[in-house]
Amino acid sequence: MKMSINFRTFTSADLNLLEKWFEDEIVADQLEGKMPLERWCKAVSNNPNYHCWLASDSVIDQIVGIVCIDEYEEGKGGISVLTNPDLRRKGYGSKMVTSILQDMQLPQVKTIVAYISPDNTASLRCFEKAQFKRQADEDDMYVLTFNLRDLE
């Protein structure tokens, strides 16, 4: 399937879209215990080290997901991805990940880290398809990393 992923910065005006996605049973299950969306949006917008982008596919003219990177320690950024629930299992997750790694303008970030719950097999496949390497597990989570120097 042909895809052309483009990114734009996530804003509070996009909350309604995320609220709809969060009504999905699988999304709600994976994000159990996370901060309410409005509070999350406020925290993100006040944190210069947290970056979120909405991803759209110009081929189908639709928003396909959101990608966030949190610069949490020198040279490292944690990544999270949420695919539009209506577009699951079409390859958008891994395509968003590989596209943001090439497009993001965060020169201080050298390594991207994904923390994945063992029961989230879709995310595990997504990051493995995007060439992330599994490291030692930590706190009942899979830890996968991608060294941005591999893109050079």
C-alpha atoms as a PDB file:
ATOM      1  CA  MET A   1       0.000   0.000   0.000  1.00  0.00           C
ATOM      2  CA  LYS A   2       1.414   3.379  -1.041  1.00  0.00           C
ATOM      3  CA  MET A   3       1.755   5.936   1.777  1.00  0.00           C
ATOM      4  CA  SER A   4       3.033   9.489   1.972  1.00  0.00           C
ATOM      5  CA  ILE A   5       3.383  10.544   5.611  1.00  0.00           C
ATOM      6  CA  ASN A   6       3.542  14.225   6.556  1.00  0.00           C
ATOM      7  CA  PHE A   7       3.789  15.735  10.027  1.00  0.00           C
ATOM      8  CA  ARG A   8       2.506  18.860  11.700  1.00  0.00           C
ATOM      9  CA  THR A   9       2.839  19.955  15.302  1.00  0.00           C
ATOM     10  CA  PHE A  10       0.077  18.747  17.613  1.00  0.00           C
ATOM     11  CA  THR A  11      -1.908  21.562  19.273  1.00  0.00           C
ATOM     12  CA  SER A  12      -4.703  21.775  21.829  1.00  0.00           C
ATOM     13  CA  ALA A  13      -7.108  22.221  18.897  1.00  0.00           C
ATOM     14  CA  ASP A  14      -6.422  18.547  18.083  1.00  0.00           C
ATOM     15  CA  LEU A  15      -7.690  17.254  21.448  1.00  0.00           C
ATOM     16  CA  ASN A  16     -11.130  16.360  20.082  1.00  0.00           C
ATOM     17  CA  LEU A  17      -9.558  13.946  17.631  1.00  0.00           C
ATOM     18  CA  LEU A  18      -7.514  12.246  20.367  1.00  0.00           C
ATOM     19  CA  GLU A  19     -10.551  12.063  22.649  1.00  0.00           C
ATOM     20  CA  LYS A  20     -12.357  10.121  19.935  1.00  0.00           C
ATOM     21  CA  TRP A  21      -9.413   7.740  19.541  1.00  0.00           C
ATOM     22  CA  PHE A  22      -9.210   7.268  23.325  1.00  0.00           C
ATOM     23  CA  GLU A  23     -12.775   5.923  23.301  1.00  0.00           C
ATOM     24  CA  ASP A  24     -11.470   2.883  21.448  1.00  0.00           C
ATOM     25  CA  GLU A  25     -11.324  -0.160  23.728  1.00  0.00           C
ATOM     26  CA  ILE A  26      -7.795  -1.208  22.741  1.00  0.00           C
ATOM     27  CA  VAL A  27      -6.417   2.324  23.149  1.00  0.00           C
ATOM     28  CA  ALA A  28      -8.123   2.716  26.520  1.00  0.00           C
ATOM     29  CA  ASP A  29      -6.707  -0.618  27.675  1.00  0.00           C
ATOM     30  CA  GLN A  30      -3.124   0.264  26.666  1.00  0.00           C
ATOM     31  CA  LEU A  31      -3.289   3.729  28.219  1.00  0.00           C
ATOM     32  CA  GLU A  32      -4.920   2.698  31.480  1.00  0.00           C
ATOM     33  CA  GLY A  33      -3.786   4.921  34.336  1.00  0.00           C
ATOM     34  CA  LYS A  34      -2.392   7.665  32.106  1.00  0.00           C
ATOM     35  CA  MET A  35      -3.051  11.311  32.812  1.00  0.00           C
ATOM     36  CA  PRO A  36      -6.356  12.782  31.470  1.00  0.00           C
ATOM     37  CA  LEU A  37      -5.950  14.240  27.977  1.00  0.00           C
ATOM     38  CA  GLU A  38      -6.515  17.891  28.825  1.00  0.00           C
ATOM     39  CA  ARG A  39      -3.968  17.735  31.644  1.00  0.00           C
ATOM     40  CA  TRP A  40      -1.559  15.839  29.385  1.00  0.00           C
ATOM     41  CA  CYS A  41      -1.919  18.461  26.639  1.00  0.00           C
ATOM     42  CA  LYS A  42      -1.218  21.280  29.088  1.00  0.00           C
ATOM     43  CA  ALA A  43       1.826  19.471  30.498  1.00  0.00           C
ATOM     44  CA  VAL A  44       3.146  18.755  26.996  1.00  0.00           C
ATOM     45  CA  SER A  45       2.675  22.304  25.752  1.00  0.00           C
ATOM     46  CA  ASN A  46       4.573  23.648  28.785  1.00  0.00           C
ATOM     47  CA  ASN A  47       7.502  21.244  28.349  1.00  0.00           C
ATOM     48  CA  PRO A  48      10.075  22.324  25.742  1.00  0.00           C
ATOM     49  CA  ASN A  49      11.544  18.806  25.738  1.00  0.00           C
ATOM     50  CA  TYR A  50       8.302  17.063  24.732  1.00  0.00           C
ATOM     51  CA  HIS A  51       7.426  17.078  21.036  1.00  0.00           C
ATOM     52  CA  CYS A  52       4.225  15.784  19.435  1.00  0.00           C
ATOM     53  CA  TRP A  53       3.266  15.617  15.794  1.00  0.00           C
ATOM     54  CA  LEU A  54       0.093  14.550  14.041  1.00  0.00           C
ATOM     55  CA  ALA A  55       0.815  12.332  11.061  1.00  0.00           C
ATOM     56  CA  SER A  56      -1.297  12.393   7.949  1.00  0.00           C
ATOM     57  CA  ASP A  57      -1.193  10.337   4.780  1.00  0.00           C
ATOM     58  CA  SER A  58      -1.609  12.576   1.752  1.00  0.00           C
ATOM     59  CA  VAL A  59      -2.520   9.546  -0.393  1.00  0.00           C
ATOM     60  CA  ILE A  60      -5.768   8.990   1.552  1.00  0.00           C
ATOM     61  CA  ASP A  61      -5.992  12.578   2.877  1.00  0.00           C
ATOM     62  CA  GLN A  62      -6.487  11.465   6.476  1.00  0.00           C
ATOM     63  CA  ILE A  63      -4.796  11.836   9.859  1.00  0.00           C
ATOM     64  CA  VAL A  64      -3.272   8.447  10.597  1.00  0.00           C
ATOM     65  CA  GLY A  65      -1.783   8.936  14.053  1.00  0.00           C
ATOM     66  CA  ILE A  66       0.303  10.874  16.521  1.00  0.00           C
ATOM     67  CA  VAL A  67       3.991  10.519  17.378  1.00  0.00           C
ATOM     68  CA  CYS A  68       5.579  12.003  20.506  1.00  0.00           C
ATOM     69  CA  ILE A  69       9.217  12.210  21.527  1.00  0.00           C
ATOM     70  CA  ASP A  70      10.241  13.117  25.052  1.00  0.00           C
ATOM     71  CA  GLU A  71      13.857  14.256  25.425  1.00  0.00           C
ATOM     72  CA  TYR A  72      14.283  12.829  28.903  1.00  0.00           C
ATOM     73  CA  GLU A  73      18.039  12.497  29.272  1.00  0.00           C
ATOM     74  CA  GLU A  74      21.081  13.763  27.429  1.00  0.00           C
ATOM     75  CA  GLY A  75      21.094  12.339  23.930  1.00  0.00           C
ATOM     76  CA  LYS A  76      18.006  10.149  24.441  1.00  0.00           C
ATOM     77  CA  GLY A  77      14.375  10.533  23.531  1.00  0.00           C
ATOM     78  CA  GLY A  78      11.473   8.294  24.472  1.00  0.00           C
ATOM     79  CA  ILE A  79       9.003   7.672  21.669  1.00  0.00           C
ATOM     80  CA  SER A  80       5.297   6.921  21.762  1.00  0.00           C
ATOM     81  CA  VAL A  81       2.998   6.291  18.829  1.00  0.00           C
ATOM     82  CA  LEU A  82      -0.767   6.057  18.535  1.00  0.00           C
ATOM     83  CA  THR A  83      -2.319   4.929  15.270  1.00  0.00           C
ATOM     84  CA  ASN A  84      -5.807   6.047  14.309  1.00  0.00           C
ATOM     85  CA  PRO A  85      -7.917   3.066  15.481  1.00  0.00           C
ATOM     86  CA  ASP A  86      -9.726   2.962  12.124  1.00  0.00           C
ATOM     87  CA  LEU A  87      -6.401   2.399  10.342  1.00  0.00           C
ATOM     88  CA  ARG A  88      -4.821  -0.375  12.401  1.00  0.00           C
ATOM     89  CA  ARG A  89      -2.935  -3.257  10.786  1.00  0.00           C
ATOM     90  CA  LYS A  90      -2.176  -1.329   7.614  1.00  0.00           C
ATOM     91  CA  GLY A  91       1.474  -0.519   8.388  1.00  0.00           C
ATOM     92  CA  TYR A  92       0.929   3.065   9.536  1.00  0.00           C
ATOM     93  CA  GLY A  93       2.594   2.604  12.927  1.00  0.00           C
ATOM     94  CA  SER A  94       5.969   1.549  11.566  1.00  0.00           C
ATOM     95  CA  LYS A  95       5.716   4.026   8.683  1.00  0.00           C
ATOM     96  CA  MET A  96       5.105   6.885  11.150  1.00  0.00           C
ATOM     97  CA  VAL A  97       8.087   5.769  13.227  1.00  0.00           C
ATOM     98  CA  THR A  98      10.498   5.476  10.302  1.00  0.00           C
ATOM     99  CA  SER A  99       9.258   8.776   8.837  1.00  0.00           C
ATOM    100  CA  ILE A 100       9.617  10.776  12.069  1.00  0.00           C
ATOM    101  CA  LEU A 101      13.130   9.416  12.609  1.00  0.00           C
ATOM    102  CA  GLN A 102      14.085  10.886   9.229  1.00  0.00           C
ATOM    103  CA  ASP A 103      12.047  14.113   9.503  1.00  0.00           C
ATOM    104  CA  MET A 104      12.407  15.279  13.107  1.00  0.00           C
ATOM    105  CA  GLN A 105      14.597  18.267  13.813  1.00  0.00           C
ATOM    106  CA  LEU A 106      16.009  17.327  17.218  1.00  0.00           C
ATOM    107  CA  PRO A 107      19.792  17.336  16.671  1.00  0.00           C
ATOM    108  CA  GLN A 108      20.567  16.743  20.359  1.00  0.00           C
ATOM    109  CA  VAL A 109      18.727  13.378  20.304  1.00  0.00           C
ATOM    110  CA  LYS A 110      21.008  10.518  19.244  1.00  0.00           C
ATOM    111  CA  THR A 111      19.083   7.477  20.508  1.00  0.00           C
ATOM    112  CA  ILE A 112      15.340   6.839  20.476  1.00  0.00           C
ATOM    113  CA  VAL A 113      13.926   4.485  23.116  1.00  0.00           C
ATOM    114  CA  ALA A 114      10.552   2.728  23.082  1.00  0.00           C
ATOM    115  CA  TYR A 115       9.114   1.157  26.237  1.00  0.00           C
ATOM    116  CA  ILE A 116       6.484  -1.429  25.331  1.00  0.00           C
ATOM    117  CA  SER A 117       4.173  -3.454  27.509  1.00  0.00           C
ATOM    118  CA  PRO A 118       4.624  -7.204  26.870  1.00  0.00           C
ATOM    119  CA  ASP A 119       0.940  -7.560  26.006  1.00  0.00           C
ATOM    120  CA  ASN A 120       1.161  -4.873  23.297  1.00  0.00           C
ATOM    121  CA  THR A 121       2.279  -7.145  20.466  1.00  0.00           C
ATOM    122  CA  ALA A 122       1.204  -4.661  17.775  1.00  0.00           C
ATOM    123  CA  SER A 123       3.596  -2.009  19.130  1.00  0.00           C
ATOM    124  CA  LEU A 124       6.378  -4.545  19.494  1.00  0.00           C
ATOM    125  CA  ARG A 125       5.980  -5.573  15.829  1.00  0.00           C
ATOM    126  CA  CYS A 126       5.750  -1.912  14.781  1.00  0.00           C
ATOM    127  CA  PHE A 127       9.074  -0.951  16.353  1.00  0.00           C
ATOM    128  CA  GLU A 128      10.838  -4.132  15.272  1.00  0.00           C
ATOM    129  CA  LYS A 129       9.682  -3.463  11.689  1.00  0.00           C
ATOM    130  CA  ALA A 130      11.144   0.057  12.047  1.00  0.00           C
ATOM    131  CA  GLN A 131      14.531  -1.570  12.877  1.00  0.00           C
ATOM    132  CA  PHE A 132      14.525  -0.899  16.631  1.00  0.00           C
ATOM    133  CA  LYS A 133      16.695  -3.357  18.576  1.00  0.00           C
ATOM    134  CA  ARG A 134      15.436  -5.050  21.728  1.00  0.00           C
ATOM    135  CA  GLN A 135      17.545  -4.392  24.811  1.00  0.00           C
ATOM    136  CA  ALA A 136      17.297  -5.781  28.350  1.00  0.00           C
ATOM    137  CA  ASP A 137      13.763  -5.686  29.703  1.00  0.00           C
ATOM    138  CA  GLU A 138      13.095  -3.176  32.439  1.00  0.00           C
ATOM    139  CA  ASP A 139      10.241  -2.913  34.977  1.00  0.00           C
ATOM    140  CA  ASP A 140       8.092  -5.472  33.126  1.00  0.00           C
ATOM    141  CA  MET A 141       8.506  -3.533  29.868  1.00  0.00           C
ATOM    142  CA  TYR A 142      10.291  -4.353  26.646  1.00  0.00           C
ATOM    143  CA  VAL A 143      12.947  -1.757  25.861  1.00  0.00           C
ATOM    144  CA  LEU A 144      13.781  -1.173  22.215  1.00  0.00           C
ATOM    145  CA  THR A 145      16.274   1.371  20.898  1.00  0.00           C
ATOM    146  CA  PHE A 146      17.227   2.980  17.629  1.00  0.00           C
ATOM    147  CA  ASN A 147      20.548   4.749  17.134  1.00  0.00           C
ATOM    148  CA  LEU A 148      19.990   7.736  14.834  1.00  0.00           C
ATOM    149  CA  ARG A 149      23.551   7.409  13.527  1.00  0.00           C
ATOM    150  CA  ASP A 150      22.237   4.343  11.664  1.00  0.00           C
ATOM    151  CA  LEU A 151      20.368   6.763   9.364  1.00  0.00           C
ATOM    152  CA  GLU A 152      23.570   8.480   8.238  1.00  0.00           C
END
